Amino acid sequence: MTVAGGGSFPVTIPPGGRAAFVLGVDVTDCGAARAAAPDLVVDAERWWGSGVTTVGRPDDADPNLGFHLRSLCGQ
């Protein structure tokens, strides 16, 4: 994962703010990749502790994600 726009880690996101990242995916199970888009699990570290959450696919996500995964799997 890299920070979109050439930023660097760690990224500080202010309250109500946003950050953009570019995610690279290594497909290790083509059958599972064809069945459903992968979940994105985020581990966030804050000054008061860390937390893990699953992020849903945003409305403005790349609509070709499924195509890219199928292409990588020879479909």
C-alpha atoms as a PDB file:
ATOM      1  CA  MET A   1       0.000   0.000   0.000  1.00  0.00           C
ATOM      2  CA  THR A   2       1.199   3.494  -0.785  1.00  0.00           C
ATOM      3  CA  VAL A   3      -0.160   6.926   0.017  1.00  0.00           C
ATOM      4  CA  ALA A   4      -1.912   8.443  -3.003  1.00  0.00           C
ATOM      5  CA  GLY A   5      -0.375  11.641  -4.302  1.00  0.00           C
ATOM      6  CA  GLY A   6       3.146  10.766  -3.188  1.00  0.00           C
ATOM      7  CA  GLY A   7       2.659  11.152   0.564  1.00  0.00           C
ATOM      8  CA  SER A   8       4.374   8.955   3.112  1.00  0.00           C
ATOM      9  CA  PHE A   9       3.506   6.888   6.172  1.00  0.00           C
ATOM     10  CA  PRO A  10       2.488   7.385   8.896  1.00  0.00           C
ATOM     11  CA  VAL A  11      -0.559   9.374   7.788  1.00  0.00           C
ATOM     12  CA  THR A  12      -2.345  11.622  10.264  1.00  0.00           C
ATOM     13  CA  ILE A  13      -6.019  12.078   9.441  1.00  0.00           C
ATOM     14  CA  PRO A  14      -7.771  14.947  11.219  1.00  0.00           C
ATOM     15  CA  PRO A  15     -11.304  14.469  12.625  1.00  0.00           C
ATOM     16  CA  GLY A  16     -13.710  14.282   9.687  1.00  0.00           C
ATOM     17  CA  GLY A  17     -10.770  14.152   7.278  1.00  0.00           C
ATOM     18  CA  ARG A  18      -9.870  11.665   4.571  1.00  0.00           C
ATOM     19  CA  ALA A  19      -6.776   9.959   3.254  1.00  0.00           C
ATOM     20  CA  ALA A  20      -6.305   8.180  -0.065  1.00  0.00           C
ATOM     21  CA  PHE A  21      -4.166   5.092  -0.576  1.00  0.00           C
ATOM     22  CA  VAL A  22      -3.230   2.874  -3.492  1.00  0.00           C
ATOM     23  CA  LEU A  23      -3.626  -0.800  -2.666  1.00  0.00           C
ATOM     24  CA  GLY A  24      -1.814  -3.542  -4.548  1.00  0.00           C
ATOM     25  CA  VAL A  25      -3.328  -7.021  -4.364  1.00  0.00           C
ATOM     26  CA  ASP A  26      -1.451 -10.316  -4.674  1.00  0.00           C
ATOM     27  CA  VAL A  27      -3.997 -12.955  -5.672  1.00  0.00           C
ATOM     28  CA  THR A  28      -3.132 -16.295  -4.072  1.00  0.00           C
ATOM     29  CA  ASP A  29      -6.502 -18.038  -4.523  1.00  0.00           C
ATOM     30  CA  CYS A  30      -8.078 -17.392  -7.911  1.00  0.00           C
ATOM     31  CA  GLY A  31     -11.235 -19.306  -7.022  1.00  0.00           C
ATOM     32  CA  ALA A  32     -11.902 -17.077  -4.044  1.00  0.00           C
ATOM     33  CA  ALA A  33     -10.981 -13.938  -6.010  1.00  0.00           C
ATOM     34  CA  ARG A  34     -13.547 -14.783  -8.682  1.00  0.00           C
ATOM     35  CA  ALA A  35     -16.243 -15.479  -6.075  1.00  0.00           C
ATOM     36  CA  ALA A  36     -16.120 -12.083  -4.330  1.00  0.00           C
ATOM     37  CA  ALA A  37     -14.030  -8.944  -4.066  1.00  0.00           C
ATOM     38  CA  PRO A  38     -11.595  -9.171  -1.141  1.00  0.00           C
ATOM     39  CA  ASP A  39     -12.360  -7.540   2.193  1.00  0.00           C
ATOM     40  CA  LEU A  40     -10.077  -4.711   3.239  1.00  0.00           C
ATOM     41  CA  VAL A  41      -9.048  -5.015   6.872  1.00  0.00           C
ATOM     42  CA  VAL A  42      -7.463  -1.877   8.342  1.00  0.00           C
ATOM     43  CA  ASP A  43      -5.359  -1.778  11.502  1.00  0.00           C
ATOM     44  CA  ALA A  44      -5.302   1.810  12.795  1.00  0.00           C
ATOM     45  CA  GLU A  45      -2.947   2.959  15.522  1.00  0.00           C
ATOM     46  CA  ARG A  46      -3.984   5.913  17.632  1.00  0.00           C
ATOM     47  CA  TRP A  47      -2.363   7.559  20.641  1.00  0.00           C
ATOM     48  CA  TRP A  48      -4.890   5.811  22.917  1.00  0.00           C
ATOM     49  CA  GLY A  49      -4.515   2.376  21.317  1.00  0.00           C
ATOM     50  CA  SER A  50      -5.002   0.431  18.138  1.00  0.00           C
ATOM     51  CA  GLY A  51      -8.082  -0.983  16.472  1.00  0.00           C
ATOM     52  CA  VAL A  52      -8.944  -3.236  13.565  1.00  0.00           C
ATOM     53  CA  THR A  53     -11.918  -2.772  11.270  1.00  0.00           C
ATOM     54  CA  THR A  54     -13.174  -4.081   7.942  1.00  0.00           C
ATOM     55  CA  VAL A  55     -13.705  -1.366   5.366  1.00  0.00           C
ATOM     56  CA  GLY A  56     -16.566  -1.672   2.914  1.00  0.00           C
ATOM     57  CA  ARG A  57     -16.154  -0.946  -0.769  1.00  0.00           C
ATOM     58  CA  PRO A  58     -16.764   2.800  -1.254  1.00  0.00           C
ATOM     59  CA  ASP A  59     -19.258   4.013  -3.835  1.00  0.00           C
ATOM     60  CA  ASP A  60     -16.451   5.602  -5.851  1.00  0.00           C
ATOM     61  CA  ALA A  61     -14.269   2.437  -5.859  1.00  0.00           C
ATOM     62  CA  ASP A  62     -12.802   1.219  -9.118  1.00  0.00           C
ATOM     63  CA  PRO A  63     -15.726  -0.522 -10.859  1.00  0.00           C
ATOM     64  CA  ASN A  64     -13.202  -2.699 -12.700  1.00  0.00           C
ATOM     65  CA  LEU A  65     -11.836  -4.390  -9.559  1.00  0.00           C
ATOM     66  CA  GLY A  66     -13.552  -7.640 -10.487  1.00  0.00           C
ATOM     67  CA  PHE A  67     -12.146  -7.396 -14.016  1.00  0.00           C
ATOM     68  CA  HIS A  68      -8.618  -6.877 -12.706  1.00  0.00           C
ATOM     69  CA  LEU A  69      -8.900  -9.903 -10.414  1.00  0.00           C
ATOM     70  CA  ARG A  70     -10.331 -12.100 -13.195  1.00  0.00           C
ATOM     71  CA  SER A  71      -7.583 -10.928 -15.559  1.00  0.00           C
ATOM     72  CA  LEU A  72      -4.877 -11.878 -13.084  1.00  0.00           C
ATOM     73  CA  CYS A  73      -6.413 -15.327 -12.813  1.00  0.00           C
ATOM     74  CA  GLY A  74      -6.492 -15.935 -16.556  1.00  0.00           C
ATOM     75  CA  GLN A  75     -10.234 -15.451 -16.933  1.00  0.00           C
END
